[in-house]
Amino acid sequence: MIEFLLHSYGEFNKQSVMHPAVWPHFDLLFIHEGRLDLMITGKGRVSLGAGEGVLLFPQTAFSPFGRKSEARASVQHFSLGDGQGLPEPFTILAGKTHASIVRKGPRNPQLEADIERALALAVAEPTPMTQLMRESLLTLILGEFLRATVPNPARETSTSGIVKWAETQSLDTLSVEVLAAKSGLTPSGLRRRFLKDLKVTPQSYLLRLRLNEAARLLRETTLPLKEIATRLGYSSNVAFHNAFKKSRQQTPREYRMGHRPKA
């Protein structure tokens, strides 16, 4: 049975106090406005912007990271009981702990509309029909988080699985060594696997992943270049500047100026 425990908005800013936490239930955290930085066990530092979120499994420790977060977010706590008689996608979640799924951009208006509607139903009069509607909306919402794969703390042996996993990770801590450990291969073995399956080296894949995210942040946010470089794992602004210019034939600042919304 799906038990809804909490679904409400919350504000995170420099004045709010957010303590480290470990919940015995699922926690779906979604950012509506602003940005929130978290440290999540098994993921490291995760930075979430508007339209992004994380599904925290039971017993997964998380805590705030830094003092720059300012966000309007919603949280939805729910429990799946013993998992008996549950429909998909809940059957593949029931009983799993110590994991999380991060959903990054692009923004999905339908997902955001489903979350807004679920929030409205959370304060409606509880009836069997309301319960059914809430379960249906939660199914749609979780579908957006589960389309790739359910996280597995163990090794991921397929190249496509490694890539999907990498796309949910915090880029400031992702490295060839981390990918190799996840796949159960040595760095040289991972290189051979990537060259065979993807025709690129792991280093080239990670560079492309970082620069694609850099381009998105430059287009969609007003974050300082220094903050973007830090979030992507660059050791300095100069390293970020040089890598971006070599890839896009534009400096980060030139790219941002050329992609500003037209009035």
Protein backbone atom coordinates (compact mmCIF):
# COMPACT_ATOMS: atom_id res chain seq x y z
CA MET A 1 0.00 0.00 0.00
CA ILE A 2 1.22 3.49 -0.85
CA GLU A 3 1.13 5.73 2.20
CA PHE A 4 1.47 9.48 1.67
CA LEU A 5 3.22 11.07 4.63
CA LEU A 6 3.95 14.65 3.57
CA HIS A 7 3.72 16.80 0.45
CA SER A 8 4.35 20.51 0.78
CA TYR A 9 6.43 23.49 -0.34
CA GLY A 10 9.51 24.69 1.47
CA GLU A 11 11.95 27.59 1.26
CA PHE A 12 15.71 27.15 1.48
CA ASN A 13 17.94 30.19 2.00
CA LYS A 14 20.88 31.45 4.02
CA GLN A 15 18.68 31.99 7.08
CA SER A 16 16.90 28.61 7.02
CA VAL A 17 18.36 25.72 8.98
CA MET A 18 18.59 22.39 7.20
CA HIS A 19 20.17 19.62 9.24
CA PRO A 20 21.66 16.36 7.95
CA ALA A 21 18.90 13.77 7.70
CA VAL A 22 18.20 10.09 7.09
CA TRP A 23 14.57 9.16 6.45
CA PRO A 24 12.96 5.72 6.88
CA HIS A 25 10.76 6.48 3.85
CA PHE A 26 11.13 7.78 0.28
CA ASP A 27 11.70 11.51 -0.14
CA LEU A 28 11.04 13.18 -3.49
CA LEU A 29 12.64 16.64 -3.51
CA PHE A 30 11.89 18.91 -6.48
CA ILE A 31 13.20 22.44 -7.14
CA HIS A 32 10.65 24.94 -8.47
CA GLU A 33 12.81 28.09 -8.29
CA GLY A 34 16.45 28.82 -7.45
CA ARG A 35 19.17 26.30 -6.68
CA LEU A 36 19.93 23.86 -3.86
CA ASP A 37 23.25 22.11 -3.18
CA LEU A 38 23.22 18.82 -1.30
CA MET A 39 25.70 16.18 -0.20
CA ILE A 40 24.15 12.75 -0.74
CA THR A 41 25.66 9.45 0.33
CA GLY A 42 26.72 7.52 -2.76
CA LYS A 43 26.45 10.57 -5.00
CA GLY A 44 28.69 13.20 -3.44
CA ARG A 45 27.84 16.83 -4.07
CA VAL A 46 24.65 17.32 -6.09
CA SER A 47 23.56 20.73 -7.35
CA LEU A 48 19.88 21.04 -8.30
CA GLY A 49 18.33 23.90 -10.23
CA ALA A 50 14.77 24.76 -11.21
CA GLY A 51 13.05 21.82 -12.87
CA GLU A 52 15.44 19.30 -11.30
CA GLY A 53 15.08 17.00 -8.33
CA VAL A 54 16.18 13.89 -6.48
CA LEU A 55 14.39 10.78 -5.28
CA LEU A 56 16.01 9.69 -2.02
CA PHE A 57 15.50 6.06 -1.05
CA PRO A 58 14.97 5.10 2.60
CA GLN A 59 18.09 5.19 4.82
CA THR A 60 19.97 7.48 2.41
CA ALA A 61 21.85 10.19 4.29
CA PHE A 62 21.86 13.72 2.87
CA SER A 63 22.78 17.17 4.09
CA PRO A 64 23.06 20.75 2.83
CA PHE A 65 26.28 21.73 1.07
CA GLY A 66 27.71 25.22 1.43
CA ARG A 67 25.78 28.40 2.20
CA LYS A 68 24.73 29.64 -1.23
CA SER A 69 21.47 27.73 -1.69
CA GLU A 70 18.32 29.75 -2.22
CA ALA A 71 15.42 27.74 -3.54
CA ARG A 72 11.69 27.20 -3.48
CA ALA A 73 11.16 23.47 -3.42
CA SER A 74 8.57 20.81 -2.71
CA VAL A 75 9.06 17.61 -0.74
CA GLN A 76 6.96 14.47 -0.96
CA HIS A 77 7.45 11.73 1.60
CA PHE A 78 5.83 8.37 0.94
CA SER A 79 6.11 4.77 2.10
CA LEU A 80 5.49 1.55 0.15
CA GLY A 81 4.88 -0.74 3.10
CA ASP A 82 5.89 -4.36 2.45
CA GLY A 83 5.55 -3.88 -1.32
CA GLN A 84 2.81 -6.48 -1.71
CA GLY A 85 0.24 -5.85 -4.47
CA LEU A 86 1.88 -2.67 -5.73
CA PRO A 87 1.68 -1.69 -9.42
CA GLU A 88 4.62 -0.59 -11.55
CA PRO A 89 6.78 1.41 -11.06
CA PHE A 90 6.45 0.93 -7.31
CA THR A 91 7.33 -2.78 -7.36
CA ILE A 92 10.88 -2.01 -8.49
CA LEU A 93 11.29 0.54 -5.69
CA ALA A 94 9.82 -1.41 -2.80
CA GLY A 95 12.38 -2.72 -0.35
CA LYS A 96 15.32 -0.83 -1.84
CA THR A 97 17.40 1.43 0.41
CA HIS A 98 20.64 3.44 0.44
CA ALA A 99 20.31 4.88 -3.06
CA SER A 100 19.04 7.92 -4.92
CA ILE A 101 18.02 9.02 -8.41
CA VAL A 102 18.92 12.52 -9.55
CA ARG A 103 16.88 14.07 -12.34
CA LYS A 104 18.70 16.89 -14.12
CA GLY A 105 17.51 19.22 -16.93
CA PRO A 106 16.04 19.96 -19.38
CA ARG A 107 12.89 21.26 -17.74
CA ASN A 108 9.71 19.30 -18.36
CA PRO A 109 6.54 21.46 -18.11
CA GLN A 110 4.31 18.39 -17.85
CA LEU A 111 6.31 16.99 -14.94
CA GLU A 112 6.12 20.33 -13.14
CA ALA A 113 2.36 20.51 -13.77
CA ASP A 114 1.91 16.99 -12.35
CA ILE A 115 3.84 17.96 -9.22
CA GLU A 116 1.78 21.14 -8.78
CA ARG A 117 -1.44 19.15 -9.11
CA ALA A 118 -0.20 16.54 -6.64
CA LEU A 119 0.53 19.34 -4.16
CA ALA A 120 -3.02 20.64 -4.54
CA LEU A 121 -4.46 17.15 -3.93
CA ALA A 122 -2.33 16.78 -0.80
CA VAL A 123 -4.50 19.34 0.99
CA ALA A 124 -7.81 18.13 -0.50
CA GLU A 125 -10.33 16.14 1.51
CA PRO A 126 -9.04 12.55 1.78
CA THR A 127 -11.31 10.15 -0.10
CA PRO A 128 -10.72 6.88 -1.99
CA MET A 129 -10.85 8.86 -5.24
CA THR A 130 -8.31 11.40 -3.96
CA GLN A 131 -6.00 8.55 -2.94
CA LEU A 132 -6.28 7.01 -6.41
CA MET A 133 -5.56 10.34 -8.10
CA ARG A 134 -2.53 10.92 -5.90
CA GLU A 135 -1.19 7.45 -6.68
CA SER A 136 -1.71 8.06 -10.41
CA LEU A 137 0.16 11.37 -10.28
CA LEU A 138 2.98 9.85 -8.25
CA THR A 139 3.26 7.12 -10.90
CA LEU A 140 3.69 9.76 -13.62
CA ILE A 141 6.18 11.75 -11.56
CA LEU A 142 8.31 8.73 -10.68
CA GLY A 143 8.24 7.65 -14.32
CA GLU A 144 10.34 10.72 -15.15
CA PHE A 145 12.91 9.68 -12.56
CA LEU A 146 12.89 5.99 -13.50
CA ARG A 147 12.98 6.15 -17.29
CA ALA A 148 16.71 5.44 -17.37
CA THR A 149 17.22 2.84 -14.65
CA VAL A 150 16.74 2.16 -10.97
CA PRO A 151 20.03 2.92 -9.21
CA ASN A 152 22.11 -0.01 -8.12
CA PRO A 153 24.89 0.53 -5.60
CA ALA A 154 26.65 -2.52 -7.08
CA ARG A 155 28.69 -2.66 -10.26
CA GLU A 156 27.22 -1.64 -13.61
CA THR A 157 28.67 -3.88 -16.32
CA SER A 158 27.17 -2.53 -19.55
CA THR A 159 28.57 0.55 -21.27
CA SER A 160 25.08 2.02 -21.72
CA GLY A 161 24.42 1.48 -18.01
CA ILE A 162 27.66 3.23 -17.05
CA VAL A 163 26.76 6.18 -19.29
CA LYS A 164 23.23 6.45 -17.88
CA TRP A 165 24.60 6.29 -14.36
CA ALA A 166 27.24 8.94 -15.11
CA GLU A 167 24.58 11.32 -16.42
CA THR A 168 22.93 11.36 -12.97
CA GLN A 169 26.12 12.10 -11.04
CA SER A 170 27.58 15.33 -9.72
CA LEU A 171 30.14 16.41 -12.33
CA ASP A 172 32.57 17.98 -9.87
CA THR A 173 33.47 14.54 -8.50
CA LEU A 174 33.11 12.38 -11.61
CA SER A 175 36.33 10.97 -13.06
CA VAL A 176 37.65 8.08 -15.14
CA GLU A 177 38.61 6.33 -11.91
CA VAL A 178 35.06 6.68 -10.57
CA LEU A 179 33.61 5.25 -13.82
CA ALA A 180 36.10 2.39 -13.72
CA ALA A 181 35.20 1.55 -10.11
CA LYS A 182 31.51 1.60 -10.96
CA SER A 183 32.05 -0.77 -13.88
CA GLY A 184 34.42 -3.09 -12.04
CA LEU A 185 37.14 -2.46 -14.64
CA THR A 186 40.60 -0.96 -14.52
CA PRO A 187 40.94 2.49 -16.15
CA SER A 188 42.69 0.86 -19.13
CA GLY A 189 39.94 -1.76 -19.37
CA LEU A 190 37.32 0.98 -19.29
CA ARG A 191 39.16 2.79 -22.08
CA ARG A 192 39.08 -0.30 -24.27
CA ARG A 193 35.36 -0.77 -23.54
CA PHE A 194 34.50 2.84 -24.42
CA LEU A 195 36.57 2.79 -27.61
CA LYS A 196 34.86 -0.41 -28.71
CA ASP A 197 31.28 0.57 -27.85
CA LEU A 198 31.25 4.38 -28.12
CA LYS A 199 34.29 5.15 -30.31
CA VAL A 200 35.50 7.68 -27.72
CA THR A 201 37.76 7.50 -24.69
CA PRO A 202 36.30 7.89 -21.18
CA GLN A 203 38.18 11.21 -20.89
CA SER A 204 36.54 12.51 -24.08
CA TYR A 205 33.13 11.34 -22.91
CA LEU A 206 33.49 13.13 -19.55
CA LEU A 207 34.71 16.29 -21.27
CA ARG A 208 31.68 16.30 -23.56
CA LEU A 209 29.37 15.69 -20.57
CA ARG A 210 30.89 18.63 -18.68
CA LEU A 211 30.83 21.03 -21.62
CA ASN A 212 27.23 20.18 -22.53
CA GLU A 213 26.21 20.95 -18.95
CA ALA A 214 28.31 24.13 -19.05
CA ALA A 215 26.45 25.28 -22.17
CA ARG A 216 23.11 24.57 -20.50
CA LEU A 217 24.05 26.53 -17.38
CA LEU A 218 25.31 29.45 -19.48
CA ARG A 219 22.05 29.54 -21.46
CA GLU A 220 19.57 28.94 -18.65
CA THR A 221 21.11 30.52 -15.54
CA THR A 222 22.90 33.66 -14.42
CA LEU A 223 25.43 31.75 -12.31
CA PRO A 224 28.89 33.38 -12.22
CA LEU A 225 31.45 31.68 -14.45
CA LYS A 226 33.52 30.80 -11.39
CA GLU A 227 30.56 28.95 -9.86
CA ILE A 228 29.91 27.05 -13.10
CA ALA A 229 33.58 26.03 -13.30
CA THR A 230 33.44 24.76 -9.71
CA ARG A 231 30.23 22.79 -10.27
CA LEU A 232 31.76 21.08 -13.28
CA GLY A 233 34.92 20.08 -11.43
CA TYR A 234 37.41 22.45 -13.08
CA SER A 235 40.40 23.42 -10.98
CA SER A 236 40.30 27.05 -12.12
CA ASN A 237 38.39 29.55 -14.24
CA VAL A 238 41.25 29.47 -16.74
CA ALA A 239 40.97 25.70 -17.21
CA PHE A 240 37.21 26.00 -17.77
CA HIS A 241 37.65 28.98 -20.12
CA ASN A 242 40.24 27.17 -22.25
CA ALA A 243 38.30 23.89 -22.45
CA PHE A 244 35.05 25.63 -23.41
CA LYS A 245 36.68 27.86 -26.03
CA LYS A 246 38.48 24.91 -27.62
CA SER A 247 35.20 22.98 -27.88
CA ARG A 248 32.79 25.75 -28.90
CA GLN A 249 35.12 28.28 -30.55
CA GLN A 250 33.69 30.85 -28.14
CA THR A 251 34.57 31.87 -24.62
CA PRO A 252 31.96 31.07 -21.96
CA ARG A 253 31.09 34.78 -21.74
CA GLU A 254 30.69 35.10 -25.54
CA TYR A 255 28.49 31.99 -25.61
CA ARG A 256 26.27 33.34 -22.84
CA MET A 257 25.90 36.73 -24.54
CA GLY A 258 24.95 35.06 -27.82
CA HIS A 259 22.26 32.92 -26.17
CA ARG A 260 20.50 35.53 -24.09
CA PRO A 261 16.70 35.51 -24.55
CA LYS A 262 15.63 38.14 -27.04
CA ALA A 263 13.32 40.86 -25.74
